[in-house]
Amino acid sequence: MSEKKKRLGDDPFANKSIGGLDLLISSTTERDLNVKETPTTAKPKRGRPTEIHRNITKTSQSGLREGLTRATFIIREDTLDQLKARAYTDRKKLKDLVTEALDYYLKNAKAEGDK
């Protein structure tokens, strides 16, 4: 019965020169950690680009797509509430609804000015 059955795998304590905390704190270059290297051809990052490459002439254009700018308007509260309600009903963003309304107004105002 003096023969011991061999276990599968390596015995971490079989090497008598390393023991105790030295086994846990040993340098990673001494042991093979079986770390896989990342491939040199990395996949492109998904999602939105971190920077928008465009010529910004005004600070109100920063962070926006080409052709868009920020604008601030003073409007009556009841009119804003009606716009928000209509945007919710139509399942549109408020900015899209306001853009449509202004485009429609300018188109019709131009047609009336031609008469």
C-alpha atoms as a PDB file:
ATOM      1  CA  MET A   1       0.000   0.000   0.000  1.00  0.00           C
ATOM      2  CA  SER A   2       2.983   2.259  -0.174  1.00  0.00           C
ATOM      3  CA  GLU A   3       2.249   2.935  -3.813  1.00  0.00           C
ATOM      4  CA  LYS A   4       0.167   6.068  -4.359  1.00  0.00           C
ATOM      5  CA  LYS A   5      -2.174   6.436  -7.277  1.00  0.00           C
ATOM      6  CA  LYS A   6      -1.089   9.167  -9.614  1.00  0.00           C
ATOM      7  CA  ARG A   7      -3.527  12.012  -9.937  1.00  0.00           C
ATOM      8  CA  LEU A   8      -4.416  13.710 -13.147  1.00  0.00           C
ATOM      9  CA  GLY A   9      -2.651  17.032 -13.674  1.00  0.00           C
ATOM     10  CA  ASP A  10       0.405  18.527 -12.051  1.00  0.00           C
ATOM     11  CA  ASP A  11       0.987  18.720  -8.342  1.00  0.00           C
ATOM     12  CA  PRO A  12       1.784  22.357  -7.542  1.00  0.00           C
ATOM     13  CA  PHE A  13       3.610  21.359  -4.380  1.00  0.00           C
ATOM     14  CA  ALA A  14       5.816  18.700  -6.028  1.00  0.00           C
ATOM     15  CA  ASN A  15       8.604  21.228  -6.588  1.00  0.00           C
ATOM     16  CA  LYS A  16      10.107  21.532  -3.117  1.00  0.00           C
ATOM     17  CA  SER A  17      12.184  24.610  -3.994  1.00  0.00           C
ATOM     18  CA  ILE A  18       9.012  26.695  -4.294  1.00  0.00           C
ATOM     19  CA  GLY A  19       6.505  26.608  -1.493  1.00  0.00           C
ATOM     20  CA  GLY A  20       4.239  28.657   0.672  1.00  0.00           C
ATOM     21  CA  LEU A  21       3.679  32.238  -0.426  1.00  0.00           C
ATOM     22  CA  ASP A  22       6.522  32.007  -2.948  1.00  0.00           C
ATOM     23  CA  LEU A  23       4.327  29.712  -5.008  1.00  0.00           C
ATOM     24  CA  LEU A  24       1.548  32.299  -5.143  1.00  0.00           C
ATOM     25  CA  ILE A  25       3.773  35.352  -5.609  1.00  0.00           C
ATOM     26  CA  SER A  26       6.183  33.852  -8.132  1.00  0.00           C
ATOM     27  CA  SER A  27       6.944  35.768 -11.290  1.00  0.00           C
ATOM     28  CA  THR A  28       4.683  35.172 -14.252  1.00  0.00           C
ATOM     29  CA  THR A  29       7.704  34.683 -16.488  1.00  0.00           C
ATOM     30  CA  GLU A  30       8.693  31.558 -14.546  1.00  0.00           C
ATOM     31  CA  ARG A  31       5.447  29.732 -15.192  1.00  0.00           C
ATOM     32  CA  ASP A  32       3.508  29.115 -18.363  1.00  0.00           C
ATOM     33  CA  LEU A  33       0.131  30.771 -17.836  1.00  0.00           C
ATOM     34  CA  ASN A  34      -1.308  29.507 -21.134  1.00  0.00           C
ATOM     35  CA  VAL A  35      -2.417  33.012 -22.062  1.00  0.00           C
ATOM     36  CA  LYS A  36      -3.614  33.288 -25.614  1.00  0.00           C
ATOM     37  CA  GLU A  37      -2.285  36.215 -27.572  1.00  0.00           C
ATOM     38  CA  THR A  38      -4.770  38.495 -29.265  1.00  0.00           C
ATOM     39  CA  PRO A  39      -4.710  38.367 -33.057  1.00  0.00           C
ATOM     40  CA  THR A  40      -2.886  41.183 -34.785  1.00  0.00           C
ATOM     41  CA  THR A  41      -5.846  41.906 -37.026  1.00  0.00           C
ATOM     42  CA  ALA A  42      -8.315  43.326 -34.526  1.00  0.00           C
ATOM     43  CA  LYS A  43     -11.958  43.672 -35.445  1.00  0.00           C
ATOM     44  CA  PRO A  44     -13.222  47.202 -36.022  1.00  0.00           C
ATOM     45  CA  LYS A  45     -15.024  48.751 -33.082  1.00  0.00           C
ATOM     46  CA  ARG A  46     -18.780  48.623 -33.215  1.00  0.00           C
ATOM     47  CA  GLY A  47     -21.152  51.463 -32.605  1.00  0.00           C
ATOM     48  CA  ARG A  48     -21.002  55.142 -33.091  1.00  0.00           C
ATOM     49  CA  PRO A  49     -17.714  56.791 -34.033  1.00  0.00           C
ATOM     50  CA  THR A  50     -16.149  58.681 -31.157  1.00  0.00           C
ATOM     51  CA  GLU A  51     -15.444  61.753 -33.226  1.00  0.00           C
ATOM     52  CA  ILE A  52     -17.367  63.445 -35.990  1.00  0.00           C
ATOM     53  CA  HIS A  53     -15.026  64.667 -38.686  1.00  0.00           C
ATOM     54  CA  ARG A  54     -16.479  67.890 -40.046  1.00  0.00           C
ATOM     55  CA  ASN A  55     -15.549  71.513 -40.311  1.00  0.00           C
ATOM     56  CA  ILE A  56     -17.217  73.200 -37.329  1.00  0.00           C
ATOM     57  CA  THR A  57     -17.699  76.921 -37.835  1.00  0.00           C
ATOM     58  CA  LYS A  58     -19.928  77.551 -34.783  1.00  0.00           C
ATOM     59  CA  THR A  59     -19.950  76.023 -31.326  1.00  0.00           C
ATOM     60  CA  SER A  60     -23.643  75.210 -31.806  1.00  0.00           C
ATOM     61  CA  GLN A  61     -22.618  72.618 -34.416  1.00  0.00           C
ATOM     62  CA  SER A  62     -20.392  70.552 -32.127  1.00  0.00           C
ATOM     63  CA  GLY A  63     -21.518  66.963 -31.679  1.00  0.00           C
ATOM     64  CA  LEU A  64     -24.087  67.111 -34.487  1.00  0.00           C
ATOM     65  CA  ARG A  65     -24.266  65.580 -37.942  1.00  0.00           C
ATOM     66  CA  GLU A  66     -23.508  67.548 -41.078  1.00  0.00           C
ATOM     67  CA  GLY A  67     -26.195  70.096 -41.904  1.00  0.00           C
ATOM     68  CA  LEU A  68     -27.556  70.424 -38.367  1.00  0.00           C
ATOM     69  CA  THR A  69     -27.099  73.169 -35.783  1.00  0.00           C
ATOM     70  CA  ARG A  70     -28.550  74.031 -32.386  1.00  0.00           C
ATOM     71  CA  ALA A  71     -30.965  76.920 -31.938  1.00  0.00           C
ATOM     72  CA  THR A  72     -32.805  78.267 -28.923  1.00  0.00           C
ATOM     73  CA  PHE A  73     -36.257  79.791 -29.225  1.00  0.00           C
ATOM     74  CA  ILE A  74     -38.599  81.394 -26.725  1.00  0.00           C
ATOM     75  CA  ILE A  75     -42.083  79.958 -27.108  1.00  0.00           C
ATOM     76  CA  ARG A  76     -45.332  80.076 -25.149  1.00  0.00           C
ATOM     77  CA  GLU A  77     -45.751  77.200 -22.715  1.00  0.00           C
ATOM     78  CA  ASP A  78     -49.167  76.189 -24.048  1.00  0.00           C
ATOM     79  CA  THR A  79     -47.790  76.010 -27.598  1.00  0.00           C
ATOM     80  CA  LEU A  80     -44.903  73.835 -26.417  1.00  0.00           C
ATOM     81  CA  ASP A  81     -47.307  71.547 -24.574  1.00  0.00           C
ATOM     82  CA  GLN A  82     -49.391  71.167 -27.751  1.00  0.00           C
ATOM     83  CA  LEU A  83     -46.260  70.403 -29.784  1.00  0.00           C
ATOM     84  CA  LYS A  84     -45.122  67.793 -27.268  1.00  0.00           C
ATOM     85  CA  ALA A  85     -48.573  66.178 -27.252  1.00  0.00           C
ATOM     86  CA  ARG A  86     -48.643  66.062 -31.059  1.00  0.00           C
ATOM     87  CA  ALA A  87     -45.116  64.620 -31.199  1.00  0.00           C
ATOM     88  CA  TYR A  88     -46.145  61.910 -28.739  1.00  0.00           C
ATOM     89  CA  THR A  89     -49.323  61.133 -30.705  1.00  0.00           C
ATOM     90  CA  ASP A  90     -47.412  60.909 -33.995  1.00  0.00           C
ATOM     91  CA  ARG A  91     -44.574  58.957 -32.322  1.00  0.00           C
ATOM     92  CA  LYS A  92     -42.015  61.492 -33.561  1.00  0.00           C
ATOM     93  CA  LYS A  93     -39.275  63.409 -31.878  1.00  0.00           C
ATOM     94  CA  LEU A  94     -40.082  66.990 -31.010  1.00  0.00           C
ATOM     95  CA  LYS A  95     -37.209  68.272 -33.153  1.00  0.00           C
ATOM     96  CA  ASP A  96     -38.530  66.334 -36.175  1.00  0.00           C
ATOM     97  CA  LEU A  97     -42.049  67.683 -35.686  1.00  0.00           C
ATOM     98  CA  VAL A  98     -40.806  71.269 -35.370  1.00  0.00           C
ATOM     99  CA  THR A  99     -38.644  70.837 -38.478  1.00  0.00           C
ATOM    100  CA  GLU A 100     -41.626  69.522 -40.456  1.00  0.00           C
ATOM    101  CA  ALA A 101     -43.842  72.377 -39.255  1.00  0.00           C
ATOM    102  CA  LEU A 102     -41.269  75.034 -40.130  1.00  0.00           C
ATOM    103  CA  ASP A 103     -40.573  73.470 -43.544  1.00  0.00           C
ATOM    104  CA  TYR A 104     -44.320  73.382 -44.274  1.00  0.00           C
ATOM    105  CA  TYR A 105     -44.707  77.007 -43.184  1.00  0.00           C
ATOM    106  CA  LEU A 106     -41.777  78.211 -45.261  1.00  0.00           C
ATOM    107  CA  LYS A 107     -42.974  76.284 -48.317  1.00  0.00           C
ATOM    108  CA  ASN A 108     -46.468  77.790 -48.096  1.00  0.00           C
ATOM    109  CA  ALA A 109     -45.189  81.279 -47.254  1.00  0.00           C
ATOM    110  CA  LYS A 110     -42.981  81.145 -50.366  1.00  0.00           C
ATOM    111  CA  ALA A 111     -45.965  80.072 -52.497  1.00  0.00           C
ATOM    112  CA  GLU A 112     -48.125  82.898 -51.126  1.00  0.00           C
ATOM    113  CA  GLY A 113     -45.346  85.416 -51.769  1.00  0.00           C
ATOM    114  CA  ASP A 114     -45.226  84.402 -55.462  1.00  0.00           C
ATOM    115  CA  LYS A 115     -48.908  85.296 -56.056  1.00  0.00           C
END
